[in-house]
Amino acid sequence: MMIDDELQVMNMAKPAFEFLYDEEIDLLRPVLHVDYERLNAEEQQEFEWGLQQISAQIPDRIQQFEQDYMNLYEKLKTTEDDESFFRINEEMNEVSKKISELNLLYLHIEGTHLHANVDD
């Protein structure tokens, strides 16, 4: 019984949700510690507002990383030694990973792919 009481106290101290900074993509990430349905109306509104704030930043962040990628690609085209080639290629892979992470985060928040919301 003592352990159950301690777990209950620990759970009470933890917020229902939080937004944690992800250094890799330079954005906050939403973290739910309870099922969404267990949030009261005010918490749901606060959580949704936070999601929208994050979601609104994603297209610009992807665009920045795409520009970084293209700059690296231009560098790669003029690289003459193997060491530089592999280093730049690895940097490009890291930027690609960040773009993928942002696309997945957007999909998770919005329920649709980013390109589905872009007008042609």
N, C-alpha and C. Protein backbone atom coordinates (compact mmCIF):
# COMPACT_ATOMS: atom_id res chain seq x y z
N MET A 1 0.82 -1.18 0.00
CA MET A 1 0.00 0.00 0.00
C MET A 1 0.87 1.26 0.00
N MET A 2 1.97 1.22 0.70
CA MET A 2 2.89 2.36 0.78
C MET A 2 3.43 2.71 -0.61
N ILE A 3 3.78 1.72 -1.40
CA ILE A 3 4.33 1.96 -2.74
C ILE A 3 3.27 2.62 -3.62
N ASP A 4 2.03 2.17 -3.56
CA ASP A 4 0.95 2.78 -4.35
C ASP A 4 0.78 4.25 -3.99
N ASP A 5 0.84 4.58 -2.71
CA ASP A 5 0.72 5.98 -2.28
C ASP A 5 1.87 6.82 -2.82
N GLU A 6 3.08 6.27 -2.78
CA GLU A 6 4.24 6.99 -3.28
C GLU A 6 4.14 7.21 -4.78
N LEU A 7 3.69 6.21 -5.53
CA LEU A 7 3.52 6.36 -6.97
C LEU A 7 2.46 7.41 -7.28
N GLN A 8 1.40 7.43 -6.51
CA GLN A 8 0.34 8.40 -6.72
C GLN A 8 0.86 9.82 -6.49
N VAL A 9 1.66 10.02 -5.46
CA VAL A 9 2.24 11.33 -5.18
C VAL A 9 3.18 11.73 -6.31
N MET A 10 3.99 10.80 -6.79
CA MET A 10 4.92 11.09 -7.88
C MET A 10 4.14 11.48 -9.14
N ASN A 11 3.07 10.78 -9.46
CA ASN A 11 2.27 11.08 -10.63
C ASN A 11 1.58 12.44 -10.51
N MET A 12 1.20 12.81 -9.30
CA MET A 12 0.54 14.09 -9.09
C MET A 12 1.50 15.25 -9.33
N ALA A 13 2.77 15.04 -9.04
CA ALA A 13 3.75 16.10 -9.20
C ALA A 13 4.11 16.32 -10.67
N LYS A 14 3.91 15.32 -11.49
CA LYS A 14 4.25 15.42 -12.90
C LYS A 14 3.10 16.08 -13.66
N PRO A 15 3.40 17.04 -14.52
CA PRO A 15 2.31 17.69 -15.28
C PRO A 15 1.69 16.71 -16.27
N ALA A 16 0.47 16.99 -16.68
CA ALA A 16 -0.23 16.14 -17.64
C ALA A 16 0.46 16.17 -19.00
N PHE A 17 1.08 17.30 -19.30
CA PHE A 17 1.83 17.44 -20.55
C PHE A 17 2.90 18.49 -20.36
N GLU A 18 3.84 18.49 -21.28
CA GLU A 18 4.86 19.52 -21.30
C GLU A 18 5.43 19.64 -22.70
N PHE A 19 6.14 20.70 -22.92
CA PHE A 19 6.81 20.92 -24.19
C PHE A 19 8.30 20.98 -23.90
N LEU A 20 9.03 20.01 -24.40
CA LEU A 20 10.46 19.89 -24.13
C LEU A 20 11.27 20.33 -25.33
N TYR A 21 12.32 21.07 -25.08
CA TYR A 21 13.19 21.58 -26.14
C TYR A 21 14.00 20.43 -26.74
N ASP A 22 13.97 20.35 -28.07
CA ASP A 22 14.76 19.38 -28.82
C ASP A 22 15.87 20.16 -29.53
N GLU A 23 17.07 20.03 -29.03
CA GLU A 23 18.20 20.79 -29.55
C GLU A 23 18.48 20.47 -31.01
N GLU A 24 18.27 19.23 -31.40
CA GLU A 24 18.57 18.80 -32.76
C GLU A 24 17.77 19.58 -33.81
N ILE A 25 16.50 19.80 -33.54
CA ILE A 25 15.65 20.52 -34.51
C ILE A 25 15.35 21.95 -34.05
N ASP A 26 15.86 22.32 -32.90
CA ASP A 26 15.72 23.68 -32.37
C ASP A 26 14.26 24.09 -32.21
N LEU A 27 13.45 23.16 -31.69
CA LEU A 27 12.03 23.41 -31.45
C LEU A 27 11.60 22.67 -30.19
N LEU A 28 10.48 23.10 -29.66
CA LEU A 28 9.86 22.36 -28.57
C LEU A 28 9.12 21.16 -29.14
N ARG A 29 9.08 20.07 -28.37
CA ARG A 29 8.31 18.87 -28.75
C ARG A 29 7.24 18.65 -27.69
N PRO A 30 6.04 18.31 -28.13
CA PRO A 30 4.97 18.02 -27.17
C PRO A 30 5.16 16.64 -26.54
N VAL A 31 4.92 16.56 -25.25
CA VAL A 31 4.98 15.28 -24.54
C VAL A 31 3.75 15.18 -23.65
N LEU A 32 2.92 14.19 -23.93
CA LEU A 32 1.73 13.93 -23.11
C LEU A 32 2.09 12.86 -22.09
N HIS A 33 1.77 13.10 -20.83
CA HIS A 33 2.03 12.11 -19.79
C HIS A 33 0.77 11.35 -19.41
N VAL A 34 -0.36 11.77 -19.98
CA VAL A 34 -1.64 11.10 -19.78
C VAL A 34 -2.33 11.03 -21.14
N ASP A 35 -3.37 10.22 -21.25
CA ASP A 35 -4.15 10.20 -22.48
C ASP A 35 -4.79 11.57 -22.68
N TYR A 36 -4.84 12.00 -23.91
CA TYR A 36 -5.40 13.32 -24.24
C TYR A 36 -6.80 13.48 -23.65
N GLU A 37 -7.59 12.44 -23.69
CA GLU A 37 -8.96 12.48 -23.21
C GLU A 37 -9.04 12.76 -21.71
N ARG A 38 -7.97 12.51 -20.98
CA ARG A 38 -7.96 12.75 -19.54
C ARG A 38 -7.67 14.22 -19.20
N LEU A 39 -7.27 15.01 -20.19
CA LEU A 39 -7.04 16.43 -19.95
C LEU A 39 -8.39 17.12 -19.81
N ASN A 40 -8.48 18.07 -18.89
CA ASN A 40 -9.72 18.84 -18.79
C ASN A 40 -9.75 19.84 -19.94
N ALA A 41 -10.86 20.53 -20.10
CA ALA A 41 -11.05 21.44 -21.24
C ALA A 41 -9.97 22.52 -21.30
N GLU A 42 -9.62 23.08 -20.15
CA GLU A 42 -8.59 24.12 -20.11
C GLU A 42 -7.23 23.56 -20.51
N GLU A 43 -6.88 22.38 -20.01
CA GLU A 43 -5.61 21.74 -20.37
C GLU A 43 -5.58 21.40 -21.85
N GLN A 44 -6.69 20.90 -22.38
CA GLN A 44 -6.74 20.59 -23.80
C GLN A 44 -6.51 21.84 -24.64
N GLN A 45 -7.14 22.93 -24.24
CA GLN A 45 -6.98 24.19 -24.97
C GLN A 45 -5.52 24.66 -24.91
N GLU A 46 -4.93 24.58 -23.74
CA GLU A 46 -3.54 25.00 -23.56
C GLU A 46 -2.60 24.11 -24.39
N PHE A 47 -2.85 22.81 -24.36
CA PHE A 47 -2.04 21.86 -25.12
C PHE A 47 -2.18 22.14 -26.62
N GLU A 48 -3.40 22.31 -27.10
CA GLU A 48 -3.65 22.57 -28.52
C GLU A 48 -2.99 23.87 -28.96
N TRP A 49 -3.05 24.89 -28.11
CA TRP A 49 -2.41 26.17 -28.42
C TRP A 49 -0.90 25.97 -28.59
N GLY A 50 -0.31 25.22 -27.68
CA GLY A 50 1.12 24.92 -27.78
C GLY A 50 1.45 24.17 -29.06
N LEU A 51 0.61 23.21 -29.42
CA LEU A 51 0.83 22.46 -30.66
C LEU A 51 0.79 23.38 -31.87
N GLN A 52 -0.16 24.29 -31.88
CA GLN A 52 -0.27 25.21 -33.02
C GLN A 52 0.94 26.14 -33.10
N GLN A 53 1.46 26.56 -31.95
CA GLN A 53 2.65 27.41 -31.94
C GLN A 53 3.85 26.67 -32.53
N ILE A 54 3.98 25.40 -32.17
CA ILE A 54 5.08 24.58 -32.69
C ILE A 54 4.89 24.35 -34.19
N SER A 55 3.70 23.92 -34.55
CA SER A 55 3.38 23.61 -35.94
C SER A 55 3.64 24.79 -36.87
N ALA A 56 3.34 25.98 -36.40
CA ALA A 56 3.52 27.18 -37.23
C ALA A 56 4.99 27.45 -37.54
N GLN A 57 5.89 26.96 -36.71
CA GLN A 57 7.32 27.19 -36.91
C GLN A 57 7.97 26.18 -37.84
N ILE A 58 7.32 25.04 -38.03
CA ILE A 58 7.94 23.94 -38.76
C ILE A 58 8.24 24.26 -40.23
N PRO A 59 7.32 24.83 -41.01
CA PRO A 59 7.66 25.10 -42.42
C PRO A 59 8.89 25.98 -42.60
N ASP A 60 9.00 27.03 -41.80
CA ASP A 60 10.18 27.91 -41.90
C ASP A 60 11.45 27.17 -41.50
N ARG A 61 11.35 26.35 -40.47
CA ARG A 61 12.52 25.60 -40.02
C ARG A 61 12.97 24.61 -41.10
N ILE A 62 12.01 23.96 -41.74
CA ILE A 62 12.36 23.03 -42.83
C ILE A 62 13.03 23.80 -43.96
N GLN A 63 12.50 24.95 -44.29
CA GLN A 63 13.07 25.76 -45.35
C GLN A 63 14.52 26.15 -45.03
N GLN A 64 14.78 26.48 -43.77
CA GLN A 64 16.15 26.81 -43.36
C GLN A 64 17.08 25.62 -43.56
N PHE A 65 16.62 24.44 -43.12
CA PHE A 65 17.44 23.24 -43.26
C PHE A 65 17.63 22.86 -44.73
N GLU A 66 16.61 23.07 -45.55
CA GLU A 66 16.76 22.79 -46.98
C GLU A 66 17.81 23.69 -47.60
N GLN A 67 17.83 24.95 -47.18
CA GLN A 67 18.85 25.87 -47.69
C GLN A 67 20.24 25.42 -47.23
N ASP A 68 20.36 25.01 -45.97
CA ASP A 68 21.64 24.47 -45.47
C ASP A 68 22.07 23.27 -46.30
N TYR A 69 21.12 22.41 -46.61
CA TYR A 69 21.41 21.20 -47.40
C TYR A 69 21.94 21.59 -48.78
N MET A 70 21.26 22.53 -49.43
CA MET A 70 21.68 22.94 -50.77
C MET A 70 23.06 23.62 -50.74
N ASN A 71 23.34 24.38 -49.69
CA ASN A 71 24.67 24.98 -49.56
C ASN A 71 25.74 23.90 -49.43
N LEU A 72 25.44 22.88 -48.65
CA LEU A 72 26.39 21.77 -48.51
C LEU A 72 26.55 21.03 -49.83
N TYR A 73 25.46 20.88 -50.55
CA TYR A 73 25.51 20.20 -51.85
C TYR A 73 26.42 20.96 -52.81
N GLU A 74 26.30 22.27 -52.82
CA GLU A 74 27.16 23.08 -53.69
C GLU A 74 28.62 22.92 -53.30
N LYS A 75 28.87 22.86 -52.00
CA LYS A 75 30.24 22.62 -51.51
C LYS A 75 30.74 21.25 -51.96
N LEU A 76 29.86 20.28 -51.87
CA LEU A 76 30.22 18.90 -52.22
C LEU A 76 30.63 18.80 -53.69
N LYS A 77 29.96 19.55 -54.55
CA LYS A 77 30.25 19.49 -55.99
C LYS A 77 31.66 19.96 -56.31
N THR A 78 32.21 20.82 -55.46
CA THR A 78 33.55 21.36 -55.73
C THR A 78 34.64 20.70 -54.88
N THR A 79 34.24 19.72 -54.09
CA THR A 79 35.21 19.06 -53.21
C THR A 79 36.11 18.14 -54.03
N GLU A 80 37.40 18.22 -53.72
CA GLU A 80 38.36 17.42 -54.49
C GLU A 80 38.97 16.28 -53.70
N ASP A 81 38.96 16.35 -52.39
CA ASP A 81 39.57 15.27 -51.62
C ASP A 81 38.51 14.41 -50.95
N ASP A 82 38.85 13.16 -50.73
CA ASP A 82 37.91 12.18 -50.17
C ASP A 82 37.45 12.54 -48.77
N GLU A 83 38.36 13.00 -47.94
CA GLU A 83 38.01 13.32 -46.55
C GLU A 83 36.93 14.40 -46.49
N SER A 84 37.10 15.45 -47.27
CA SER A 84 36.09 16.51 -47.30
C SER A 84 34.78 16.01 -47.88
N PHE A 85 34.87 15.20 -48.92
CA PHE A 85 33.68 14.64 -49.54
C PHE A 85 32.84 13.87 -48.51
N PHE A 86 33.47 12.99 -47.76
CA PHE A 86 32.75 12.19 -46.78
C PHE A 86 32.24 13.02 -45.61
N ARG A 87 33.01 14.01 -45.20
CA ARG A 87 32.57 14.89 -44.11
C ARG A 87 31.33 15.69 -44.53
N ILE A 88 31.36 16.26 -45.71
CA ILE A 88 30.22 17.04 -46.19
C ILE A 88 29.01 16.13 -46.41
N ASN A 89 29.26 14.96 -46.93
CA ASN A 89 28.17 14.01 -47.14
C ASN A 89 27.51 13.65 -45.81
N GLU A 90 28.31 13.48 -44.78
CA GLU A 90 27.77 13.17 -43.46
C GLU A 90 26.96 14.37 -42.92
N GLU A 91 27.45 15.57 -43.14
CA GLU A 91 26.71 16.76 -42.73
C GLU A 91 25.36 16.83 -43.46
N MET A 92 25.36 16.50 -44.73
CA MET A 92 24.12 16.48 -45.51
C MET A 92 23.14 15.45 -44.95
N ASN A 93 23.67 14.30 -44.56
CA ASN A 93 22.82 13.27 -43.95
C ASN A 93 22.18 13.76 -42.66
N GLU A 94 22.95 14.49 -41.85
CA GLU A 94 22.41 15.03 -40.60
C GLU A 94 21.31 16.06 -40.86
N VAL A 95 21.51 16.90 -41.85
CA VAL A 95 20.49 17.89 -42.20
C VAL A 95 19.23 17.18 -42.71
N SER A 96 19.42 16.15 -43.53
CA SER A 96 18.27 15.37 -44.03
C SER A 96 17.49 14.75 -42.88
N LYS A 97 18.21 14.26 -41.89
CA LYS A 97 17.56 13.66 -40.72
C LYS A 97 16.70 14.70 -40.00
N LYS A 98 17.22 15.91 -39.86
CA LYS A 98 16.47 16.98 -39.20
C LYS A 98 15.21 17.33 -39.98
N ILE A 99 15.32 17.38 -41.30
CA ILE A 99 14.15 17.66 -42.14
C ILE A 99 13.11 16.56 -41.95
N SER A 100 13.55 15.33 -41.92
CA SER A 100 12.63 14.20 -41.70
C SER A 100 11.96 14.29 -40.34
N GLU A 101 12.74 14.61 -39.32
CA GLU A 101 12.18 14.76 -37.97
C GLU A 101 11.11 15.84 -37.92
N LEU A 102 11.37 16.94 -38.59
CA LEU A 102 10.39 18.03 -38.62
C LEU A 102 9.12 17.63 -39.37
N ASN A 103 9.30 16.91 -40.48
CA ASN A 103 8.13 16.44 -41.22
C ASN A 103 7.30 15.47 -40.38
N LEU A 104 7.96 14.59 -39.66
CA LEU A 104 7.24 13.66 -38.79
C LEU A 104 6.53 14.38 -37.65
N LEU A 105 7.17 15.37 -37.08
CA LEU A 105 6.55 16.14 -36.01
C LEU A 105 5.32 16.87 -36.54
N TYR A 106 5.43 17.45 -37.72
CA TYR A 106 4.28 18.13 -38.33
C TYR A 106 3.14 17.15 -38.56
N LEU A 107 3.45 15.98 -39.10
CA LEU A 107 2.44 14.96 -39.33
C LEU A 107 1.79 14.55 -38.01
N HIS A 108 2.58 14.39 -36.98
CA HIS A 108 2.08 14.00 -35.66
C HIS A 108 1.12 15.07 -35.11
N ILE A 109 1.47 16.32 -35.27
CA ILE A 109 0.65 17.41 -34.73
C ILE A 109 -0.59 17.65 -35.59
N GLU A 110 -0.39 17.76 -36.90
CA GLU A 110 -1.48 18.17 -37.79
C GLU A 110 -2.29 17.00 -38.34
N GLY A 111 -1.71 15.80 -38.32
CA GLY A 111 -2.42 14.65 -38.86
C GLY A 111 -2.39 14.58 -40.37
N THR A 112 -1.58 15.41 -40.98
CA THR A 112 -1.44 15.42 -42.43
C THR A 112 0.00 15.80 -42.77
N HIS A 113 0.41 15.45 -43.97
CA HIS A 113 1.75 15.82 -44.41
C HIS A 113 1.81 17.31 -44.73
N LEU A 114 2.95 17.89 -44.55
CA LEU A 114 3.13 19.33 -44.77
C LEU A 114 2.75 19.72 -46.19
N HIS A 115 3.19 18.95 -47.18
CA HIS A 115 2.91 19.31 -48.57
C HIS A 115 1.42 19.31 -48.88
N ALA A 116 0.61 18.59 -48.09
CA ALA A 116 -0.84 18.54 -48.32
C ALA A 116 -1.50 19.88 -48.00
N ASN A 117 -0.81 20.74 -47.24
CA ASN A 117 -1.36 22.03 -46.86
C ASN A 117 -0.80 23.20 -47.67
N VAL A 118 0.05 22.91 -48.63
CA VAL A 118 0.69 23.95 -49.42
C VAL A 118 -0.09 24.12 -50.71
N ASP A 119 -0.43 25.36 -51.01
CA ASP A 119 -1.14 25.65 -52.26
C ASP A 119 -0.16 25.59 -53.41
N ASP A 120 -0.62 25.06 -54.53
CA ASP A 120 0.25 24.99 -55.74
C ASP A 120 0.29 26.28 -56.49
